């Protein structure tokens, strides 16, 4: 199953959370808790369960980069 990044990156707040996760500023548990009880919660949980924290960080960096949402 692929990750629906448009769901995870649909608001500025979500982009900030994903960016902090990708940079290693928050843990996988904190990442999931930021999305818990939201429409994006299932997507975040699936990302972590299927790929693990290390690969999920890499995928988050790639998703942000491809959408030109990285901080330079």
N, C-alpha and C. Protein backbone atom coordinates (compact mmCIF):
# COMPACT_ATOMS: atom_id res chain seq x y z
N UNK A 1 0.84 -1.18 0.00
CA UNK A 1 0.00 0.00 0.00
C UNK A 1 0.88 1.24 0.00
N UNK A 2 0.48 2.23 -0.75
CA UNK A 2 1.25 3.47 -0.81
C UNK A 2 0.68 4.49 0.17
N UNK A 3 1.50 5.42 0.55
CA UNK A 3 1.10 6.46 1.49
C UNK A 3 0.44 7.60 0.73
N UNK A 4 -0.69 8.04 1.22
CA UNK A 4 -1.40 9.17 0.61
C UNK A 4 -0.83 10.46 1.20
N UNK A 5 0.23 10.97 0.58
CA UNK A 5 0.91 12.16 1.09
C UNK A 5 0.04 13.41 1.00
N UNK A 6 -0.88 13.46 0.05
CA UNK A 6 -1.75 14.64 -0.04
C UNK A 6 -2.61 14.76 1.21
N UNK A 7 -2.97 13.63 1.83
CA UNK A 7 -3.71 13.66 3.08
C UNK A 7 -2.84 14.17 4.22
N UNK A 8 -1.61 13.70 4.27
CA UNK A 8 -0.71 14.11 5.35
C UNK A 8 -0.22 15.54 5.21
N UNK A 9 -0.20 16.07 4.00
CA UNK A 9 0.38 17.40 3.77
C UNK A 9 -0.66 18.43 3.34
N UNK A 10 -1.91 18.26 3.78
CA UNK A 10 -2.95 19.16 3.28
C UNK A 10 -3.06 20.49 4.03
N UNK A 11 -2.45 20.62 5.20
CA UNK A 11 -2.49 21.89 5.91
C UNK A 11 -1.08 22.31 6.31
N UNK A 12 -0.91 23.59 6.63
CA UNK A 12 0.40 24.09 7.05
C UNK A 12 0.86 23.41 8.33
N UNK A 13 -0.08 23.16 9.24
CA UNK A 13 0.25 22.49 10.49
C UNK A 13 0.79 21.10 10.22
N UNK A 14 0.12 20.37 9.33
CA UNK A 14 0.56 19.02 9.00
C UNK A 14 1.93 19.04 8.33
N UNK A 15 2.16 19.99 7.45
CA UNK A 15 3.47 20.11 6.79
C UNK A 15 4.55 20.35 7.84
N UNK A 16 4.25 21.17 8.82
CA UNK A 16 5.20 21.45 9.90
C UNK A 16 5.51 20.19 10.70
N UNK A 17 4.49 19.41 11.01
CA UNK A 17 4.69 18.17 11.77
C UNK A 17 5.53 17.18 10.96
N UNK A 18 5.19 16.99 9.70
CA UNK A 18 5.94 16.06 8.84
C UNK A 18 7.37 16.55 8.68
N UNK A 19 7.57 17.85 8.54
CA UNK A 19 8.90 18.41 8.40
C UNK A 19 9.73 18.16 9.66
N UNK A 20 9.14 18.40 10.82
CA UNK A 20 9.85 18.15 12.08
C UNK A 20 10.20 16.67 12.22
N UNK A 21 9.30 15.79 11.82
CA UNK A 21 9.56 14.36 11.87
C UNK A 21 10.69 13.99 10.91
N UNK A 22 10.64 14.51 9.69
CA UNK A 22 11.65 14.20 8.69
C UNK A 22 13.04 14.66 9.12
N UNK A 23 13.10 15.78 9.82
CA UNK A 23 14.38 16.32 10.29
C UNK A 23 14.87 15.65 11.57
N UNK A 24 14.05 14.80 12.18
CA UNK A 24 14.45 14.12 13.40
C UNK A 24 14.19 14.91 14.66
N UNK A 25 13.39 15.96 14.57
CA UNK A 25 13.11 16.79 15.74
C UNK A 25 12.04 16.17 16.65
N UNK A 26 11.23 15.26 16.12
CA UNK A 26 10.24 14.57 16.93
C UNK A 26 10.33 13.07 16.64
N UNK A 27 9.93 12.28 17.61
CA UNK A 27 10.00 10.82 17.47
C UNK A 27 8.80 10.30 16.69
N UNK A 28 8.86 9.02 16.37
CA UNK A 28 7.74 8.39 15.67
C UNK A 28 6.47 8.42 16.51
N UNK A 29 6.61 8.22 17.80
CA UNK A 29 5.45 8.26 18.70
C UNK A 29 4.84 9.66 18.74
N UNK A 30 5.68 10.67 18.81
CA UNK A 30 5.19 12.05 18.80
C UNK A 30 4.53 12.38 17.47
N UNK A 31 5.13 11.89 16.38
CA UNK A 31 4.58 12.09 15.04
C UNK A 31 3.17 11.52 14.97
N UNK A 32 3.02 10.28 15.41
CA UNK A 32 1.68 9.68 15.36
C UNK A 32 0.71 10.41 16.27
N UNK A 33 1.15 10.80 17.45
CA UNK A 33 0.23 11.46 18.39
C UNK A 33 -0.26 12.80 17.87
N UNK A 34 0.53 13.47 17.03
CA UNK A 34 0.09 14.74 16.42
C UNK A 34 -1.06 14.51 15.44
N UNK A 35 -1.12 13.31 14.85
CA UNK A 35 -2.17 13.00 13.88
C UNK A 35 -3.30 12.16 14.48
N UNK A 36 -3.16 11.72 15.72
CA UNK A 36 -4.18 10.88 16.34
C UNK A 36 -5.52 11.61 16.39
N UNK A 37 -6.59 10.89 16.13
CA UNK A 37 -7.96 11.42 16.15
C UNK A 37 -8.19 12.51 15.10
N UNK A 38 -7.48 12.42 13.99
CA UNK A 38 -7.71 13.32 12.87
C UNK A 38 -7.96 12.47 11.63
N UNK A 39 -8.33 13.11 10.54
CA UNK A 39 -8.54 12.39 9.28
C UNK A 39 -7.25 11.76 8.77
N UNK A 40 -6.12 12.30 9.16
CA UNK A 40 -4.81 11.81 8.69
C UNK A 40 -4.21 10.76 9.61
N UNK A 41 -4.85 10.47 10.71
CA UNK A 41 -4.30 9.54 11.70
C UNK A 41 -4.02 8.16 11.16
N UNK A 42 -4.95 7.62 10.41
CA UNK A 42 -4.76 6.29 9.85
C UNK A 42 -3.60 6.23 8.88
N UNK A 43 -3.45 7.27 8.10
CA UNK A 43 -2.35 7.32 7.13
C UNK A 43 -1.01 7.39 7.84
N UNK A 44 -0.93 8.20 8.89
CA UNK A 44 0.32 8.32 9.65
C UNK A 44 0.66 7.00 10.34
N UNK A 45 -0.34 6.36 10.91
CA UNK A 45 -0.12 5.09 11.61
C UNK A 45 0.33 4.01 10.63
N UNK A 46 -0.31 3.94 9.48
CA UNK A 46 0.05 2.96 8.46
C UNK A 46 1.48 3.19 7.97
N UNK A 47 1.84 4.44 7.76
CA UNK A 47 3.20 4.77 7.33
C UNK A 47 4.22 4.22 8.32
N UNK A 48 4.01 4.45 9.60
CA UNK A 48 4.95 3.98 10.61
C UNK A 48 4.93 2.47 10.75
N UNK A 49 3.76 1.86 10.68
CA UNK A 49 3.67 0.41 10.85
C UNK A 49 4.30 -0.34 9.67
N UNK A 50 4.09 0.14 8.47
CA UNK A 50 4.60 -0.57 7.29
C UNK A 50 6.08 -0.35 7.04
N UNK A 51 6.58 0.83 7.40
CA UNK A 51 7.95 1.18 7.03
C UNK A 51 8.90 1.35 8.21
N UNK A 52 8.39 1.51 9.41
CA UNK A 52 9.26 1.79 10.55
C UNK A 52 9.67 3.25 10.56
N UNK A 53 10.20 3.68 11.66
CA UNK A 53 10.51 5.10 11.84
C UNK A 53 11.61 5.57 10.89
N UNK A 54 12.67 4.81 10.76
CA UNK A 54 13.81 5.24 9.95
C UNK A 54 13.43 5.43 8.49
N UNK A 55 12.76 4.44 7.92
CA UNK A 55 12.37 4.55 6.51
C UNK A 55 11.25 5.58 6.34
N UNK A 56 10.37 5.71 7.33
CA UNK A 56 9.30 6.71 7.25
C UNK A 56 9.88 8.11 7.21
N UNK A 57 10.95 8.35 7.98
CA UNK A 57 11.63 9.66 7.94
C UNK A 57 12.17 9.94 6.54
N UNK A 58 12.80 8.93 5.96
CA UNK A 58 13.36 9.07 4.62
C UNK A 58 12.25 9.36 3.60
N UNK A 59 11.15 8.65 3.70
CA UNK A 59 10.02 8.86 2.79
C UNK A 59 9.42 10.25 2.99
N UNK A 60 9.37 10.72 4.23
CA UNK A 60 8.84 12.06 4.51
C UNK A 60 9.73 13.13 3.89
N UNK A 61 11.05 12.96 4.02
CA UNK A 61 11.98 13.91 3.40
C UNK A 61 11.78 13.94 1.89
N UNK A 62 11.63 12.76 1.30
CA UNK A 62 11.45 12.66 -0.15
C UNK A 62 10.14 13.33 -0.57
N UNK A 63 9.07 13.07 0.18
CA UNK A 63 7.76 13.66 -0.15
C UNK A 63 7.80 15.18 -0.06
N UNK A 64 8.43 15.70 0.99
CA UNK A 64 8.54 17.16 1.14
C UNK A 64 9.39 17.76 0.03
N UNK A 65 10.48 17.08 -0.31
CA UNK A 65 11.36 17.58 -1.36
C UNK A 65 10.66 17.62 -2.71
N UNK A 66 9.93 16.57 -3.02
CA UNK A 66 9.25 16.51 -4.32
C UNK A 66 8.12 17.53 -4.44
N UNK A 67 7.63 17.99 -3.31
CA UNK A 67 6.58 19.02 -3.32
C UNK A 67 7.13 20.40 -3.04
N UNK A 68 8.46 20.51 -3.00
CA UNK A 68 9.15 21.78 -2.73
C UNK A 68 8.69 22.42 -1.43
N UNK A 69 8.55 21.60 -0.39
CA UNK A 69 8.11 22.09 0.91
C UNK A 69 9.22 22.03 1.95
N UNK A 70 10.44 21.74 1.53
CA UNK A 70 11.54 21.66 2.48
C UNK A 70 12.04 23.04 2.85
N UNK A 71 12.61 23.12 4.05
CA UNK A 71 13.22 24.38 4.49
C UNK A 71 14.64 24.42 3.96
N UNK A 72 15.03 25.49 3.35
CA UNK A 72 16.39 25.62 2.83
C UNK A 72 17.15 26.69 3.56
